[in-house]
C-alpha cells in the first residue's frame, strides 16, 4: 500500500500567504495616503475678442496714461502696455512704502499718478519719483480720488475728505462740514464745478452735492436706492449716476436734470428693472455713448440710449461677476477690473453686444 506522504510547506511561503490581507491593506493605505496632484482643470476657452490678465488678483483701480495701463488692487501696483497687453511692471520705480490694498488710481493733468491705498496716499511724478502725502489725510485709509474743475485733488478717506489746492496746501472736511458720513467711498467732480461725495456707512450714509457754498444731501428718504454710495459718474449728457448698495441690496439712482435743479425726474433702477444686480459698483461710458454698469455679484449691464438693457456674465466671458472699475482705451477696448483679475473686451466685441 502506498503511504500518503505529508509535505511540510515552506515556512517563508506560508508566512507570505498568511499575511496577504495585511499586505493588501497596507498597499491600499499607501495608495490612498500618498500625496498626489489632481489633474489641472481644463483651460478656459474664451470667446473671440476676450482676454484675461492678472488672474486671481482683485483689481480695484485703473488709470490710463500714454501707452501705460496702471492696475491697482490687493496685490499692489502693476502696469501694462494697453496696446500689446504686455506686463511692464518691472519698470516701475520702487515706492517708499508698501502699496497694500490699492483702492483707487488717478492720472492728473500733469501726468502724475496718484495712488489711494490702505495705508495712505502716494504720488508717482513724471520723473518716476515717488512722494508720500499720507500725513495730509484725516485718516491713512484712502478710498476715492477725483480731480475737480478748480484743479484740486479730492481724496476720500475712512474719516472724511482731504483736498489739495493747486499750490500744494491741504485742507480737510468732515461730518461737521456737511458730509453725510465720515467714510467716503466715492467722489466725482461734475461739469458745473461742483463735487459729489458719497458716504459708505449705512444706515447713516448718503450723498452730498457741494457746489460753491450750496450743499444738498440725498438719502434713502429722497431718492437714494441705498445709503451706501459705492460709485459716482457724470456722463457726456450731464446725467449723474449714483451706484449704491450692500451685497445684493441697493440700486442705481439716475439724476438726468440735476443741472436744472430738478430732481423730480430722478429714477431708481434695480435688478427687477433690468440691471444685472441690485448693487451699482462701477460705471463707464464708451465712445458710442453706451453706459456700462458694473454690479457687486451679478455681472455687467449694457444700458443703451434707447433704454434697453443687456446683461453680460461670467458665462459670457467675464473673469467673475463683480466689476469694481472700468475704462475704455483709445482703440475702443473696454478694460474691467474684477474680483478675480483683469478682463479686456475688444472694441469689436462691444459693437456686437447689442
Protein backbone atom coordinates (compact mmCIF):
# COMPACT_ATOMS: atom_id res chain seq x y z
CA UNK A 1 0.00 0.00 0.00
CA UNK A 2 1.25 3.41 -0.90
CA UNK A 3 1.62 5.61 2.12
CA UNK A 4 0.26 9.10 1.83
CA UNK A 5 3.06 11.50 2.43
CA UNK A 6 2.59 14.91 4.05
CA UNK A 7 4.84 17.57 2.64
CA UNK A 8 5.64 20.30 5.12
CA UNK A 9 5.14 23.71 3.37
CA UNK A 10 7.98 26.11 3.31
CA UNK A 11 7.65 28.34 6.39
CA UNK A 12 8.58 31.50 4.45
CA UNK A 13 6.00 30.83 1.75
CA UNK A 14 3.33 30.03 4.33
CA UNK A 15 4.04 33.30 6.13
CA UNK A 16 3.52 35.34 2.98
CA UNK A 17 0.15 33.79 2.26
CA UNK A 18 -0.91 34.03 5.88
CA UNK A 19 -0.17 37.80 5.92
CA UNK A 20 -1.61 38.55 2.47
CA UNK A 21 -4.64 40.51 3.80
CA UNK A 22 -2.32 42.69 5.86
CA UNK A 23 -0.11 43.41 2.83
CA UNK A 24 -3.12 44.27 0.70
CA UNK A 25 -4.43 46.65 3.37
CA UNK A 26 -1.05 48.36 3.65
CA UNK A 27 -0.80 48.72 -0.13
CA UNK A 28 -4.28 50.25 -0.26
CA UNK A 29 -3.48 52.71 2.53
CA UNK A 30 -0.22 53.67 0.87
CA UNK A 31 -2.08 54.39 -2.37
CA UNK A 32 -4.82 56.30 -0.54
CA UNK A 33 -2.50 58.43 1.57
CA UNK A 34 0.27 59.04 -0.95
CA UNK A 35 0.32 62.76 -1.89
CA UNK A 36 -0.64 63.43 -5.46
CA UNK A 37 -1.63 66.41 -7.59
CA UNK A 38 -5.04 66.28 -9.18
CA UNK A 39 -5.26 66.82 -12.89
CA UNK A 40 -5.43 70.56 -13.71
CA UNK A 41 -8.85 71.82 -14.74
CA UNK A 42 -9.34 72.26 -18.46
CA UNK A 43 -8.14 75.61 -19.74
CA UNK A 44 -10.99 78.03 -20.23
CA UNK A 45 -11.65 78.83 -23.86
CA UNK A 46 -12.73 82.47 -24.17
CA UNK A 47 -14.88 83.82 -26.99
CA UNK A 48 -13.00 85.71 -29.71
CA UNK A 49 -12.08 89.23 -28.62
CA UNK A 50 -11.94 88.47 -24.88
CA UNK A 51 -8.70 88.39 -22.86
CA UNK A 52 -7.88 87.83 -19.19
CA UNK A 53 -4.91 89.22 -17.25
CA UNK A 54 -3.79 89.15 -13.58
CA UNK A 55 -5.87 86.04 -12.94
CA UNK A 56 -6.58 85.60 -9.25
CA UNK A 57 -5.83 89.24 -8.40
CA UNK A 58 -8.52 91.60 -7.16
CA UNK A 59 -8.49 94.78 -9.28
CA UNK A 60 -9.85 97.94 -7.61
CA UNK A 61 -8.30 100.78 -9.63
CA UNK A 62 -7.44 101.51 -13.26
CA UNK A 63 -5.79 104.53 -14.89
CA UNK A 64 -4.55 105.26 -18.41
CA UNK A 65 -1.57 107.42 -19.40
CA UNK A 66 0.19 107.30 -22.76
CA UNK A 67 0.83 103.61 -23.50
CA UNK A 68 0.51 102.64 -19.85
CA UNK A 69 -2.47 100.98 -18.24
CA UNK A 70 -1.99 101.23 -14.48
CA UNK A 71 -3.65 98.49 -12.45
CA UNK A 72 -4.10 98.56 -8.68
CA UNK A 73 -5.53 96.06 -6.23
CA UNK A 74 -4.89 93.92 -3.18
CA UNK A 75 -1.56 92.79 -4.69
CA UNK A 76 -0.27 96.35 -5.09
CA UNK A 77 0.53 98.15 -8.35
CA UNK A 78 1.07 96.76 -11.82
CA UNK A 79 1.46 98.27 -15.27
CA UNK A 80 0.63 97.01 -18.75
CA UNK A 81 1.10 98.28 -22.27
CA UNK A 82 -2.56 98.55 -23.20
CA UNK A 83 -1.82 98.17 -26.92
CA UNK A 84 0.15 94.92 -26.70
CA UNK A 85 -1.11 93.61 -23.38
CA UNK A 86 2.47 93.09 -22.16
CA UNK A 87 3.23 93.44 -18.45
CA UNK A 88 5.72 96.30 -17.96
CA UNK A 89 5.59 96.32 -14.14
CA UNK A 90 9.31 95.62 -13.86
CA UNK A 91 9.99 99.20 -14.91
CA UNK A 92 8.03 100.82 -12.07
CA UNK A 93 10.15 102.78 -9.61
CA UNK A 94 10.17 101.32 -6.10
CA UNK A 95 7.65 103.16 -3.90
CA UNK A 96 8.72 104.49 -0.48
CA UNK A 97 6.06 102.41 1.28
CA UNK A 98 4.39 99.10 0.58
CA UNK A 99 1.30 99.86 -1.53
CA UNK A 100 -1.07 97.49 0.23
CA UNK A 101 -4.65 97.15 -0.97
CA UNK A 102 -4.90 99.88 -3.58
CA UNK A 103 -8.42 101.35 -3.71
CA UNK A 104 -8.19 103.96 -6.48
CA UNK A 105 -5.84 105.36 -9.13
CA UNK A 106 -5.86 108.76 -10.85
CA UNK A 107 -3.74 110.48 -13.51
CA UNK A 108 -3.80 114.27 -13.07
CA UNK A 109 -3.49 116.74 -15.99
CA UNK A 110 0.29 116.93 -15.43
CA UNK A 111 0.64 113.18 -15.85
CA UNK A 112 1.29 112.35 -12.19
CA UNK A 113 -0.09 109.04 -10.91
CA UNK A 114 -1.97 109.23 -7.59
CA UNK A 115 -2.43 106.02 -5.63
CA UNK A 116 -5.01 105.73 -2.84
CA UNK A 117 -4.28 102.67 -0.71
CA UNK A 118 -4.95 101.04 2.62
CA UNK A 119 -2.10 102.82 4.39
CA UNK A 120 -2.13 106.23 2.74
CA UNK A 121 -1.72 108.30 -0.41
CA UNK A 122 1.26 108.21 -2.76
CA UNK A 123 2.14 110.02 -5.98
CA UNK A 124 4.50 108.96 -8.78
CA UNK A 125 5.53 112.04 -10.76
CA UNK A 126 6.53 112.24 -14.41
CA UNK A 127 10.18 111.82 -13.44
CA UNK A 128 9.46 108.45 -11.77
CA UNK A 129 9.93 109.90 -8.29
CA UNK A 130 7.54 108.84 -5.52
CA UNK A 131 6.05 111.27 -2.99
CA UNK A 132 4.14 110.29 0.16
CA UNK A 133 1.18 112.52 1.13
CA UNK A 134 -0.31 110.36 3.86
CA UNK A 135 0.33 112.92 6.60
CA UNK A 136 -2.09 115.34 4.90
CA UNK A 137 -5.05 112.98 5.28
CA UNK A 138 -7.56 112.83 8.14
CA UNK A 139 -7.07 109.05 8.11
CA UNK A 140 -4.45 106.91 6.32
CA UNK A 141 -7.03 104.65 4.68
CA UNK A 142 -7.84 106.41 1.40
CA UNK A 143 -10.55 105.03 -0.87
CA UNK A 144 -11.52 107.55 -3.57
CA UNK A 145 -9.87 110.14 -5.83
CA UNK A 146 -11.09 112.83 -8.20
CA UNK A 147 -9.77 115.91 -9.99
CA UNK A 148 -12.01 118.97 -9.85
CA UNK A 149 -12.73 121.79 -12.29
CA UNK A 150 -10.73 124.01 -9.94
CA UNK A 151 -7.61 121.82 -10.44
CA UNK A 152 -7.88 120.41 -6.95
CA UNK A 153 -7.29 116.81 -5.90
CA UNK A 154 -10.06 115.39 -3.69
CA UNK A 155 -9.34 112.33 -1.58
CA UNK A 156 -11.96 110.29 0.22
CA UNK A 157 -10.75 108.56 3.38
CA UNK A 158 -12.08 106.48 6.26
CA UNK A 159 -12.62 109.66 8.30
CA UNK A 160 -13.51 112.43 5.91
CA UNK A 161 -12.10 114.24 2.90
CA UNK A 162 -8.76 115.87 2.14
CA UNK A 163 -8.37 118.45 -0.65
CA UNK A 164 -5.09 119.53 -2.23
CA UNK A 165 -5.11 123.02 -3.77
CA UNK A 166 -3.12 123.83 -6.94
CA UNK A 167 -0.38 125.46 -4.85
CA UNK A 168 0.02 122.28 -2.82
CA UNK A 169 -1.60 123.18 0.50
CA UNK A 170 -4.13 120.78 2.02
CA UNK A 171 -7.45 121.20 3.84
CA UNK A 172 -9.83 118.68 5.39
CA UNK A 173 -13.59 118.25 5.71
CA UNK A 174 -15.68 116.03 7.96
CA UNK A 175 -19.20 115.45 9.20
CA UNK A 176 -19.17 118.85 10.94
CA UNK A 177 -18.69 120.44 7.49
CA UNK A 178 -21.73 118.75 5.99
CA UNK A 179 -20.60 115.27 4.97
CA UNK A 180 -23.42 112.74 5.45
CA UNK A 181 -20.90 110.23 6.83
CA UNK A 182 -17.19 110.19 7.53
CA UNK A 183 -16.37 107.06 5.49
CA UNK A 184 -16.11 108.37 1.94
CA UNK A 185 -16.10 105.64 -0.71
CA UNK A 186 -16.85 107.69 -3.86
CA UNK A 187 -16.10 111.23 -5.12
CA UNK A 188 -16.63 112.81 -8.52
CA UNK A 189 -16.41 116.34 -9.91
CA UNK A 190 -19.25 117.50 -12.14
CA UNK A 191 -19.05 119.66 -15.27
CA UNK A 192 -20.64 122.63 -13.47
CA UNK A 193 -17.80 122.92 -10.96
CA UNK A 194 -19.40 121.01 -8.10
CA UNK A 195 -18.32 117.96 -6.12
CA UNK A 196 -20.37 114.87 -5.30
CA UNK A 197 -19.28 112.94 -2.21
CA UNK A 198 -20.67 109.51 -1.37
CA UNK A 199 -20.55 108.06 2.13
CA UNK A 200 -20.40 104.34 2.80
CA UNK A 201 -21.66 103.89 6.34
CA UNK A 202 -25.25 102.62 6.20
CA UNK A 203 -27.74 103.42 7.60
CA UNK A 204 -26.21 106.85 8.23
CA UNK A 205 -24.59 107.27 4.83
CA UNK A 206 -25.77 109.24 1.85
CA UNK A 207 -24.70 111.62 -0.89
CA UNK A 208 -23.59 115.25 -0.70
CA UNK A 209 -23.66 117.59 -3.70
CA UNK A 210 -21.41 120.54 -2.89
CA UNK A 211 -21.46 123.45 -5.32
CA UNK A 212 -19.94 126.79 -4.29
CA UNK A 213 -21.44 127.44 -0.87
CA UNK A 214 -24.52 125.31 -1.50
CA UNK A 215 -24.88 121.81 -0.10
CA UNK A 216 -27.60 119.31 -0.80
CA UNK A 217 -27.77 115.90 0.87
CA UNK A 218 -29.52 112.89 -0.63
CA UNK A 219 -30.52 109.91 1.48
CA UNK A 220 -32.89 106.97 1.19
CA UNK A 221 -35.63 109.44 2.16
CA UNK A 222 -35.12 111.42 -1.05
CA UNK A 223 -34.22 109.26 -3.99
CA UNK A 224 -31.21 107.17 -2.99
CA UNK A 225 -31.74 103.44 -3.51
CA UNK A 226 -29.46 102.66 -0.55
CA UNK A 227 -27.45 104.67 1.99
CA UNK A 228 -24.11 103.12 0.97
CA UNK A 229 -22.76 105.07 -2.01
CA UNK A 230 -20.19 102.98 -3.91
CA UNK A 231 -19.79 104.78 -7.27
CA UNK A 232 -20.46 108.17 -8.89
CA UNK A 233 -20.31 109.14 -12.54
CA UNK A 234 -21.40 112.02 -14.79
CA UNK A 235 -21.93 111.01 -18.41
CA UNK A 236 -21.43 113.09 -21.56
CA UNK A 237 -25.07 114.24 -21.46
CA UNK A 238 -24.63 115.70 -17.99
CA UNK A 239 -26.61 113.00 -16.18
CA UNK A 240 -25.37 111.94 -12.74
CA UNK A 241 -25.28 108.21 -11.98
CA UNK A 242 -25.15 107.06 -8.37
CA UNK A 243 -24.34 103.43 -7.56
CA UNK A 244 -25.43 102.28 -4.13
CA UNK A 245 -25.90 99.12 -2.13
CA UNK A 246 -24.53 96.44 0.10
CA UNK A 247 -24.02 92.93 -1.30
CA UNK A 248 -27.29 92.06 -3.07
CA UNK A 249 -29.27 95.10 -1.87
CA UNK A 250 -29.36 98.59 -3.33
CA UNK A 251 -29.74 100.04 -6.80
CA UNK A 252 -28.71 102.83 -9.16
CA UNK A 253 -30.14 106.35 -8.95
CA UNK A 254 -30.07 108.46 -12.11
CA UNK A 255 -30.36 112.26 -11.89
CA UNK A 256 -30.93 113.40 -15.51
CA UNK A 257 -31.83 117.03 -14.75
CA UNK A 258 -29.82 117.94 -11.66
CA UNK A 259 -28.22 120.89 -13.50
CA UNK A 260 -31.66 122.47 -13.79
CA UNK A 261 -32.22 121.95 -10.10
CA UNK A 262 -34.94 119.45 -10.93
CA UNK A 263 -34.85 116.13 -9.06
CA UNK A 264 -38.43 115.20 -9.89
CA UNK A 265 -37.18 113.27 -12.93
CA UNK A 266 -34.77 111.15 -10.88
CA UNK A 267 -35.11 107.43 -11.42
CA UNK A 268 -34.12 104.41 -9.35
CA UNK A 269 -33.13 101.25 -11.21
CA UNK A 270 -32.74 97.80 -9.70
CA UNK A 271 -32.37 94.23 -10.87
CA UNK A 272 -36.13 93.99 -11.35
CA UNK A 273 -35.88 96.92 -13.81
CA UNK A 274 -33.23 95.25 -15.97
CA UNK A 275 -29.88 95.71 -14.17
CA UNK A 276 -27.57 92.72 -13.77
CA UNK A 277 -27.63 93.15 -10.00
CA UNK A 278 -29.00 95.42 -7.32
CA UNK A 279 -25.74 97.00 -6.19
CA UNK A 280 -24.19 99.59 -8.51
CA UNK A 281 -20.44 99.06 -8.13
CA UNK A 282 -18.91 100.97 -11.09
CA UNK A 283 -19.72 102.98 -14.23
CA UNK A 284 -18.20 103.71 -17.62
CA UNK A 285 -19.38 105.44 -20.81
CA UNK A 286 -17.90 104.21 -24.08
CA UNK A 287 -17.25 106.32 -27.16
CA UNK A 288 -20.64 105.33 -28.60
CA UNK A 289 -22.49 106.77 -25.61
CA UNK A 290 -23.33 103.38 -24.12
CA UNK A 291 -23.35 103.30 -20.30
CA UNK A 292 -21.80 100.24 -18.66
CA UNK A 293 -22.86 99.46 -15.10
CA UNK A 294 -20.84 97.02 -13.02
CA UNK A 295 -22.52 95.09 -10.23
CA UNK A 296 -21.25 93.60 -6.98
CA UNK A 297 -22.28 89.99 -7.58
CA UNK A 298 -24.16 89.63 -10.84
CA UNK A 299 -22.13 90.80 -13.82
CA UNK A 300 -22.19 93.75 -16.21
CA UNK A 301 -25.10 95.75 -17.63
CA UNK A 302 -25.05 97.46 -21.02
CA UNK A 303 -27.50 100.39 -20.98
CA UNK A 304 -28.14 101.90 -24.40
CA UNK A 305 -29.72 105.25 -25.22
CA UNK A 306 -33.00 103.61 -26.24
CA UNK A 307 -33.35 102.41 -22.65
CA UNK A 308 -32.66 98.74 -23.38
CA UNK A 309 -30.55 96.52 -21.14
CA UNK A 310 -28.19 93.67 -21.94
CA UNK A 311 -26.59 91.53 -19.25
CA UNK A 312 -23.07 90.05 -19.54
CA UNK A 313 -21.93 87.47 -17.00
CA UNK A 314 -19.02 85.15 -16.31
CA UNK A 315 -20.59 82.55 -18.58
CA UNK A 316 -20.26 85.06 -21.46
CA UNK A 317 -16.53 85.65 -20.88
CA UNK A 318 -16.09 87.77 -17.74
CA UNK A 319 -13.42 86.64 -15.27
CA UNK A 320 -16.01 86.89 -12.47
CA UNK A 321 -19.33 88.55 -11.80
CA UNK A 322 -18.06 91.53 -9.76
CA UNK A 323 -16.87 94.61 -11.66
CA UNK A 324 -15.03 97.10 -9.44
CA UNK A 325 -13.75 99.59 -12.03
CA UNK A 326 -13.79 100.17 -15.78
CA UNK A 327 -12.23 102.30 -18.52
CA UNK A 328 -12.01 102.38 -22.31
CA UNK A 329 -8.68 102.76 -24.10
CA UNK A 330 -8.16 104.92 -27.23
CA UNK A 331 -8.65 101.90 -29.50
CA UNK A 332 -12.11 101.33 -28.03
CA UNK A 333 -11.29 98.26 -25.92
CA UNK A 334 -13.08 98.06 -22.57
CA UNK A 335 -11.00 97.07 -19.53
CA UNK A 336 -12.74 95.70 -16.45
CA UNK A 337 -11.17 95.45 -13.01
CA UNK A 338 -12.77 92.43 -11.38
CA UNK A 339 -12.61 90.40 -8.20
CA UNK A 340 -10.54 87.66 -9.85
CA UNK A 341 -8.50 89.58 -12.38
CA UNK A 342 -8.46 91.98 -15.31
CA UNK A 343 -10.71 91.44 -18.31
CA UNK A 344 -10.49 93.11 -21.73
CA UNK A 345 -13.28 93.24 -24.28
CA UNK A 346 -12.13 94.25 -27.76
CA UNK A 347 -13.89 97.13 -29.50
CA UNK A 348 -15.42 94.71 -32.00
CA UNK A 349 -16.92 92.71 -29.16
CA UNK A 350 -18.54 95.85 -27.74
CA UNK A 351 -20.04 96.70 -31.11
CA UNK A 352 -21.67 93.27 -31.29
CA UNK A 353 -23.05 93.26 -27.74
CA UNK A 354 -26.45 94.68 -28.56
